[in-house]
Protein backbone atom coordinates (compact mmCIF):
# COMPACT_ATOMS: atom_id res chain seq x y z
CA MET A 1 98.32 98.47 60.74
CA PRO A 2 98.83 100.04 64.20
CA LEU A 3 97.65 98.18 67.31
CA SER A 4 94.81 99.35 69.46
CA PRO A 5 95.50 100.37 72.98
CA ARG A 6 94.09 97.11 74.29
CA GLU A 7 96.27 95.03 71.88
CA ALA A 8 99.23 97.09 72.69
CA PHE A 9 98.77 96.57 76.46
CA LYS A 10 98.31 92.82 75.94
CA THR A 11 101.43 92.67 73.71
CA GLY A 12 103.57 94.63 76.32
CA PHE A 13 102.22 92.53 79.21
CA LEU A 14 103.14 89.28 77.41
CA ALA A 15 106.54 90.68 76.43
CA ARG A 16 107.39 91.53 79.99
CA CYS A 17 106.23 88.12 81.21
CA ALA A 18 108.56 86.47 78.63
CA GLU A 19 111.45 88.78 79.77
CA LEU A 20 110.88 87.66 83.26
CA GLY A 21 110.86 83.89 82.12
CA LEU A 22 107.42 83.24 83.51
CA GLY A 23 105.65 80.01 82.35
CA HIS A 24 102.09 79.67 81.11
CA ALA A 25 100.60 79.11 84.62
CA GLN A 26 102.62 81.98 85.98
CA MET A 27 101.42 84.33 83.18
CA LEU A 28 97.87 83.42 83.93
CA ALA A 29 98.25 84.05 87.69
CA ALA A 30 99.96 87.45 86.86
CA ALA A 31 97.09 88.34 84.52
CA LYS A 32 94.53 87.36 87.07
CA GLU A 33 96.31 89.46 89.77
CA ALA A 34 96.44 92.50 87.47
CA ALA A 35 92.75 92.07 86.54
CA ASP A 36 91.78 91.98 90.27
CA LYS A 37 93.81 95.15 90.87
CA VAL A 38 92.11 96.96 88.04
CA ALA A 39 88.68 95.75 89.23
CA GLY A 40 89.49 97.11 92.82
CA LEU A 41 90.56 100.37 91.33
CA PHE A 42 87.31 100.77 89.41
CA ASP A 43 85.36 99.85 92.51
CA ALA A 44 87.16 102.54 94.46
CA ILE A 45 86.54 105.11 91.69
CA SER A 46 82.86 104.29 91.47
CA GLY A 47 82.52 104.50 95.34
CA LEU A 48 84.18 107.89 95.14
CA GLY A 49 81.70 108.94 92.39
CA LYS A 50 78.85 107.84 94.64
CA THR A 51 80.29 109.90 97.59
CA VAL A 52 80.63 112.90 95.39
CA ALA A 53 76.94 112.54 94.24
CA ASN A 54 75.83 112.48 97.89
CA VAL A 55 77.72 115.72 98.85
CA GLY A 56 74.35 117.40 99.23
CA THR A 57 73.10 115.04 101.92
CA GLY A 58 73.39 115.90 105.61
CA THR A 59 76.45 113.73 106.58
CA VAL A 60 78.93 114.21 103.94
CA LEU A 61 79.03 117.90 103.84
CA PRO A 62 79.79 118.54 107.49
CA LEU A 63 82.45 115.93 107.42
CA ALA A 64 84.02 117.46 104.33
CA LEU A 65 84.03 120.88 106.09
CA ALA A 66 85.42 119.45 109.28
CA ALA A 67 88.22 117.37 107.71
CA PRO A 68 90.80 120.14 106.95
CA PRO A 69 91.05 121.46 110.42
CA ILE A 70 91.20 118.10 111.99
CA ILE A 71 93.87 116.83 109.57
CA GLY A 72 95.87 120.05 110.10
CA GLY A 73 95.72 119.60 113.81
CA LEU A 74 96.94 115.93 113.65
CA ALA A 75 99.66 117.03 111.34
CA GLY A 76 100.83 119.74 113.67
CA LEU A 77 100.66 117.33 116.74
CA GLY A 78 102.71 114.77 114.71
CA LEU A 79 105.30 117.36 113.89
CA ALA A 80 105.55 118.58 117.38
CA LYS A 81 106.12 115.00 118.67
CA ALA A 82 108.67 114.36 115.88
CA THR A 83 110.72 117.38 116.83
CA ASP A 84 110.47 116.89 120.57
CA ILE A 85 113.89 116.50 122.33
CA GLY A 86 114.01 114.00 125.07
CA ASP A 87 116.40 114.04 128.10
CA GLU A 88 118.60 111.38 126.54
CA ASP A 89 119.05 113.50 123.39
CA VAL A 90 120.03 116.45 125.47
CA LYS A 91 122.67 114.38 127.35
CA ALA A 92 123.97 112.93 124.01
CA VAL A 93 124.33 116.42 122.57
CA LYS A 94 126.13 117.66 125.75
CA ASP A 95 128.55 114.78 125.64
CA GLN A 96 129.24 115.37 121.94
CA GLU A 97 129.99 118.98 122.61
CA VAL A 98 132.42 118.08 125.36
CA ILE A 99 134.18 115.63 123.03
CA ASP A 100 134.40 118.25 120.21
CA THR A 101 135.73 120.77 122.77
CA TYR A 102 138.54 118.38 123.82
CA ARG A 103 139.46 117.62 120.23
CA THR A 104 139.72 121.39 119.45
CA GLU A 105 141.81 122.11 122.45
CA ALA A 106 144.07 119.14 121.60
CA GLU A 107 144.51 120.37 117.99
CA LYS A 108 145.37 123.92 119.33
CA LEU A 109 148.06 122.54 121.63
CA ARG A 110 149.49 120.52 118.70
CA ARG A 111 149.57 123.62 116.49
CA GLN A 112 151.27 125.69 119.33
CA ARG A 113 153.84 122.85 119.83
CA LEU A 114 154.73 122.86 116.15
CA ILE A 115 154.91 126.66 116.04
CA ARG A 116 157.31 126.75 119.01
CA ALA A 117 159.43 124.04 117.56
CA ALA A 118 159.70 125.90 114.30
CA ALA A 119 160.67 129.04 116.07
CA ARG A 120 163.42 127.19 117.83
CA GLY A 121 164.55 125.65 114.52
CA GLN A 122 163.83 122.19 115.83
CA ALA A 123 161.99 119.37 114.05
CA PRO A 124 158.69 118.63 115.75
CA ARG A 125 158.71 115.69 118.10
CA ARG A 126 156.51 112.69 117.12
CA GLY A 127 154.53 110.63 119.51
CA ARG A 128 152.44 111.14 122.64
CA PRO A 129 153.69 113.08 125.53
CA VAL A 130 154.45 111.07 128.62
CA MET A 131 152.41 112.03 131.67
C-alpha cells in the first residue's frame, strides 16, 4: 500500500534524522524548528495574498507602479559604484604594466642573446650578467 504524501514526508524526515545520528530530543527539536519555518512561510504567503487583495486601494497601486523605476535606479547606482576605479587601482594597474614591460624586454634580450650565440656556434651562457 503506497504512503500518502504526509506519511512519506514523516518517514523521510525520520530517516534523515537517523542518518545524522540524532537522539529523541534532537529529533523533536528539529521537527519543531521545521514546523516553525513552515508556519512562517504560510504567514508570509497569507500576507502576500492580503496585499494582492488590496491592490485596488489607494496606497498599494502607486507603490507598485513606482517600484520598478526606483529599483532600476538603485541597481544602476550600485553597478556604477561597483565598477568605479579609484586612484589606488589606477596606480596598481600602471605598476603592473611597468613590471610586465620589463619582463617582456628581458625575455627579448634573452632570446637575442641565444640567437647570437647560436649564430657564432657557441653554447649559450648560463647565469646572470655581471654589472
